[in-house]
């Protein structure tokens, strides 16, 4: 079962990976294309995690169970602003 703390830990890990990627690029360990491809994936994963946290909060605030929240696909969360 997913918990808020687990989601926050996942977000922290993703942000850490983002920083590592940027350093690897600066050190010449990876190409700009490799960095951009993985950063795009990280962005989607971060959006999914934040969306899941918002769903859990909304469910709690409306008397529901946070455990009923479900991760939405990357396609869904990336089209919120479109």
N, C-alpha and C. Protein backbone atom coordinates (compact mmCIF):
# COMPACT_ATOMS: atom_id res chain seq x y z
N UNK A 1 0.84 -1.18 0.00
CA UNK A 1 0.00 0.00 0.00
C UNK A 1 0.89 1.25 0.00
N UNK A 2 0.56 2.21 -0.81
CA UNK A 2 1.31 3.45 -0.92
C UNK A 2 0.96 4.37 0.25
N UNK A 3 1.96 5.04 0.76
CA UNK A 3 1.75 6.02 1.83
C UNK A 3 2.27 7.37 1.36
N UNK A 4 1.82 8.42 2.01
CA UNK A 4 2.33 9.75 1.69
C UNK A 4 3.85 9.78 1.87
N UNK A 5 4.32 9.18 2.96
CA UNK A 5 5.75 9.18 3.22
C UNK A 5 6.50 8.45 2.10
N UNK A 6 5.97 7.33 1.66
CA UNK A 6 6.60 6.60 0.57
C UNK A 6 6.66 7.40 -0.71
N UNK A 7 5.59 8.14 -0.98
CA UNK A 7 5.56 8.98 -2.18
C UNK A 7 6.58 10.10 -2.06
N UNK A 8 6.66 10.71 -0.88
CA UNK A 8 7.65 11.78 -0.66
C UNK A 8 9.07 11.23 -0.81
N UNK A 9 9.31 10.04 -0.33
CA UNK A 9 10.63 9.43 -0.47
C UNK A 9 10.95 9.18 -1.95
N UNK A 10 9.96 8.76 -2.71
CA UNK A 10 10.14 8.54 -4.15
C UNK A 10 10.47 9.87 -4.84
N UNK A 11 9.76 10.92 -4.47
CA UNK A 11 10.02 12.25 -5.04
C UNK A 11 11.45 12.68 -4.72
N UNK A 12 11.88 12.48 -3.50
CA UNK A 12 13.24 12.84 -3.10
C UNK A 12 14.27 12.08 -3.93
N UNK A 13 14.01 10.79 -4.16
CA UNK A 13 14.93 9.98 -4.96
C UNK A 13 14.99 10.48 -6.41
N UNK A 14 13.85 10.87 -6.95
CA UNK A 14 13.82 11.39 -8.32
C UNK A 14 14.57 12.70 -8.44
N UNK A 15 14.40 13.57 -7.46
CA UNK A 15 15.11 14.86 -7.47
C UNK A 15 16.61 14.63 -7.34
N UNK A 16 17.00 13.68 -6.51
CA UNK A 16 18.41 13.34 -6.36
C UNK A 16 18.97 12.84 -7.68
N UNK A 17 18.21 11.98 -8.36
CA UNK A 17 18.66 11.47 -9.66
C UNK A 17 18.80 12.61 -10.67
N UNK A 18 17.90 13.56 -10.62
CA UNK A 18 17.98 14.72 -11.51
C UNK A 18 19.29 15.47 -11.29
N UNK A 19 19.65 15.68 -10.04
CA UNK A 19 20.90 16.38 -9.73
C UNK A 19 22.11 15.59 -10.20
N UNK A 20 22.06 14.27 -10.03
CA UNK A 20 23.16 13.41 -10.47
C UNK A 20 23.31 13.49 -11.99
N UNK A 21 22.20 13.45 -12.70
CA UNK A 21 22.25 13.56 -14.16
C UNK A 21 22.90 14.86 -14.60
N UNK A 22 22.52 15.94 -13.97
CA UNK A 22 23.09 17.24 -14.33
C UNK A 22 24.61 17.26 -14.08
N UNK A 23 25.02 16.64 -12.98
CA UNK A 23 26.45 16.58 -12.68
C UNK A 23 27.18 15.67 -13.66
N UNK A 24 26.55 14.56 -14.02
CA UNK A 24 27.17 13.66 -15.01
C UNK A 24 27.35 14.37 -16.34
N UNK A 25 26.39 15.18 -16.73
CA UNK A 25 26.52 15.94 -17.96
C UNK A 25 27.68 16.93 -17.84
N UNK A 26 27.73 17.63 -16.74
CA UNK A 26 28.80 18.61 -16.52
C UNK A 26 30.18 17.95 -16.53
N UNK A 27 30.23 16.72 -16.04
CA UNK A 27 31.50 15.99 -15.98
C UNK A 27 31.81 15.26 -17.29
N UNK A 28 30.91 15.34 -18.26
CA UNK A 28 31.13 14.69 -19.54
C UNK A 28 30.89 13.20 -19.52
N UNK A 29 30.21 12.70 -18.50
CA UNK A 29 29.96 11.27 -18.38
C UNK A 29 28.79 10.79 -19.23
N UNK A 30 27.88 11.70 -19.56
CA UNK A 30 26.74 11.37 -20.40
C UNK A 30 26.55 12.49 -21.43
N UNK A 31 25.83 12.18 -22.48
CA UNK A 31 25.58 13.18 -23.51
C UNK A 31 24.37 14.03 -23.12
N UNK A 32 24.26 15.17 -23.77
CA UNK A 32 23.10 16.04 -23.53
C UNK A 32 21.81 15.32 -23.92
N UNK A 33 21.85 14.55 -24.99
CA UNK A 33 20.66 13.80 -25.41
C UNK A 33 20.24 12.78 -24.36
N UNK A 34 21.23 12.09 -23.79
CA UNK A 34 20.93 11.12 -22.73
C UNK A 34 20.33 11.81 -21.51
N UNK A 35 20.92 12.96 -21.15
CA UNK A 35 20.41 13.71 -20.01
C UNK A 35 18.97 14.15 -20.27
N UNK A 36 18.72 14.70 -21.42
CA UNK A 36 17.38 15.21 -21.74
C UNK A 36 16.34 14.09 -21.76
N UNK A 37 16.70 12.95 -22.31
CA UNK A 37 15.76 11.83 -22.36
C UNK A 37 15.38 11.38 -20.97
N UNK A 38 16.38 11.23 -20.11
CA UNK A 38 16.07 10.78 -18.74
C UNK A 38 15.36 11.87 -17.95
N UNK A 39 15.74 13.13 -18.15
CA UNK A 39 15.06 14.22 -17.44
C UNK A 39 13.59 14.27 -17.81
N UNK A 40 13.28 14.00 -19.07
CA UNK A 40 11.88 13.98 -19.49
C UNK A 40 11.12 12.89 -18.75
N UNK A 41 11.72 11.72 -18.63
CA UNK A 41 11.10 10.62 -17.88
C UNK A 41 10.91 10.99 -16.42
N UNK A 42 11.94 11.61 -15.83
CA UNK A 42 11.86 12.03 -14.43
C UNK A 42 10.74 13.04 -14.22
N UNK A 43 10.58 13.95 -15.15
CA UNK A 43 9.53 14.96 -15.05
C UNK A 43 8.15 14.30 -15.01
N UNK A 44 7.95 13.32 -15.85
CA UNK A 44 6.67 12.60 -15.86
C UNK A 44 6.46 11.86 -14.55
N UNK A 45 7.50 11.18 -14.08
CA UNK A 45 7.38 10.45 -12.82
C UNK A 45 7.10 11.40 -11.65
N UNK A 46 7.74 12.56 -11.65
CA UNK A 46 7.48 13.54 -10.60
C UNK A 46 6.05 14.05 -10.67
N UNK A 47 5.58 14.34 -11.86
CA UNK A 47 4.19 14.79 -12.02
C UNK A 47 3.21 13.72 -11.53
N UNK A 48 3.50 12.47 -11.82
CA UNK A 48 2.64 11.39 -11.36
C UNK A 48 2.63 11.30 -9.83
N UNK A 49 3.79 11.45 -9.23
CA UNK A 49 3.89 11.36 -7.77
C UNK A 49 3.14 12.52 -7.10
N UNK A 50 3.34 13.73 -7.61
CA UNK A 50 2.64 14.88 -7.03
C UNK A 50 1.13 14.75 -7.23
N UNK A 51 0.71 14.25 -8.38
CA UNK A 51 -0.71 14.04 -8.64
C UNK A 51 -1.29 13.04 -7.64
N UNK A 52 -0.55 11.96 -7.39
CA UNK A 52 -1.02 10.96 -6.44
C UNK A 52 -1.16 11.55 -5.03
N UNK A 53 -0.21 12.37 -4.63
CA UNK A 53 -0.32 13.04 -3.32
C UNK A 53 -1.55 13.94 -3.26
N UNK A 54 -1.79 14.69 -4.34
CA UNK A 54 -2.97 15.57 -4.37
C UNK A 54 -4.26 14.75 -4.30
N UNK A 55 -4.30 13.65 -5.01
CA UNK A 55 -5.49 12.78 -4.96
C UNK A 55 -5.72 12.28 -3.54
N UNK A 56 -4.67 11.82 -2.89
CA UNK A 56 -4.78 11.28 -1.54
C UNK A 56 -5.31 12.35 -0.57
N UNK A 57 -4.76 13.56 -0.71
CA UNK A 57 -5.19 14.67 0.15
C UNK A 57 -6.67 14.99 -0.09
N UNK A 58 -7.06 15.08 -1.36
CA UNK A 58 -8.45 15.40 -1.69
C UNK A 58 -9.40 14.34 -1.16
N UNK A 59 -9.03 13.09 -1.27
CA UNK A 59 -9.89 12.02 -0.76
C UNK A 59 -10.05 12.13 0.76
N UNK A 60 -8.94 12.38 1.46
CA UNK A 60 -9.03 12.54 2.92
C UNK A 60 -9.93 13.71 3.29
N UNK A 61 -9.76 14.83 2.57
CA UNK A 61 -10.52 16.04 2.89
C UNK A 61 -12.01 15.90 2.60
N UNK A 62 -12.38 14.97 1.74
CA UNK A 62 -13.79 14.78 1.40
C UNK A 62 -14.37 13.53 2.05
N UNK A 63 -13.67 13.00 3.05
CA UNK A 63 -14.18 11.86 3.80
C UNK A 63 -13.90 10.51 3.19
N UNK A 64 -13.12 10.48 2.13
CA UNK A 64 -12.77 9.21 1.49
C UNK A 64 -11.50 8.63 2.07
N UNK A 65 -11.11 7.53 1.52
CA UNK A 65 -9.88 6.86 1.94
C UNK A 65 -8.76 7.22 0.97
N UNK A 66 -7.67 7.68 1.52
CA UNK A 66 -6.51 8.01 0.69
C UNK A 66 -6.03 6.79 -0.09
N UNK A 67 -6.30 5.62 0.43
CA UNK A 67 -5.87 4.39 -0.24
C UNK A 67 -6.62 4.13 -1.54
N UNK A 68 -7.70 4.88 -1.78
CA UNK A 68 -8.44 4.73 -3.04
C UNK A 68 -7.79 5.51 -4.19
N UNK A 69 -6.81 6.33 -3.88
CA UNK A 69 -6.10 7.07 -4.92
C UNK A 69 -5.29 6.10 -5.77
N UNK A 70 -5.17 6.43 -7.03
CA UNK A 70 -4.41 5.57 -7.94
C UNK A 70 -3.52 6.42 -8.83
N UNK A 71 -2.33 5.89 -9.10
CA UNK A 71 -1.42 6.61 -9.99
C UNK A 71 -2.02 6.67 -11.38
N UNK A 72 -2.02 7.86 -11.94
CA UNK A 72 -2.52 8.04 -13.30
C UNK A 72 -1.35 7.89 -14.28
N UNK A 73 -1.68 7.56 -15.50
CA UNK A 73 -0.64 7.38 -16.51
C UNK A 73 0.07 8.70 -16.80
N UNK A 74 1.25 8.58 -17.34
CA UNK A 74 2.00 9.78 -17.73
C UNK A 74 1.27 10.59 -18.76
N UNK A 75 0.56 9.92 -19.67
CA UNK A 75 -0.21 10.63 -20.69
C UNK A 75 -1.26 11.52 -20.05
N UNK A 76 -1.90 11.04 -19.01
CA UNK A 76 -2.95 11.80 -18.34
C UNK A 76 -2.37 13.00 -17.60
N UNK A 77 -1.37 12.78 -16.76
CA UNK A 77 -0.86 13.89 -15.96
C UNK A 77 -0.13 14.93 -16.79
N UNK A 78 0.42 14.54 -17.91
CA UNK A 78 1.12 15.50 -18.76
C UNK A 78 0.16 16.36 -19.58
N UNK A 79 -1.09 15.97 -19.68
CA UNK A 79 -2.05 16.73 -20.49
C UNK A 79 -2.94 17.62 -19.64
N UNK A 80 -2.69 17.71 -18.32
CA UNK A 80 -3.52 18.56 -17.47
C UNK A 80 -3.55 20.00 -17.92
N UNK A 81 -2.41 20.51 -18.35
CA UNK A 81 -2.34 21.93 -18.73
C UNK A 81 -2.61 22.16 -20.19
N UNK A 82 -2.77 21.11 -20.97
CA UNK A 82 -3.01 21.26 -22.41
C UNK A 82 -4.42 21.68 -22.69
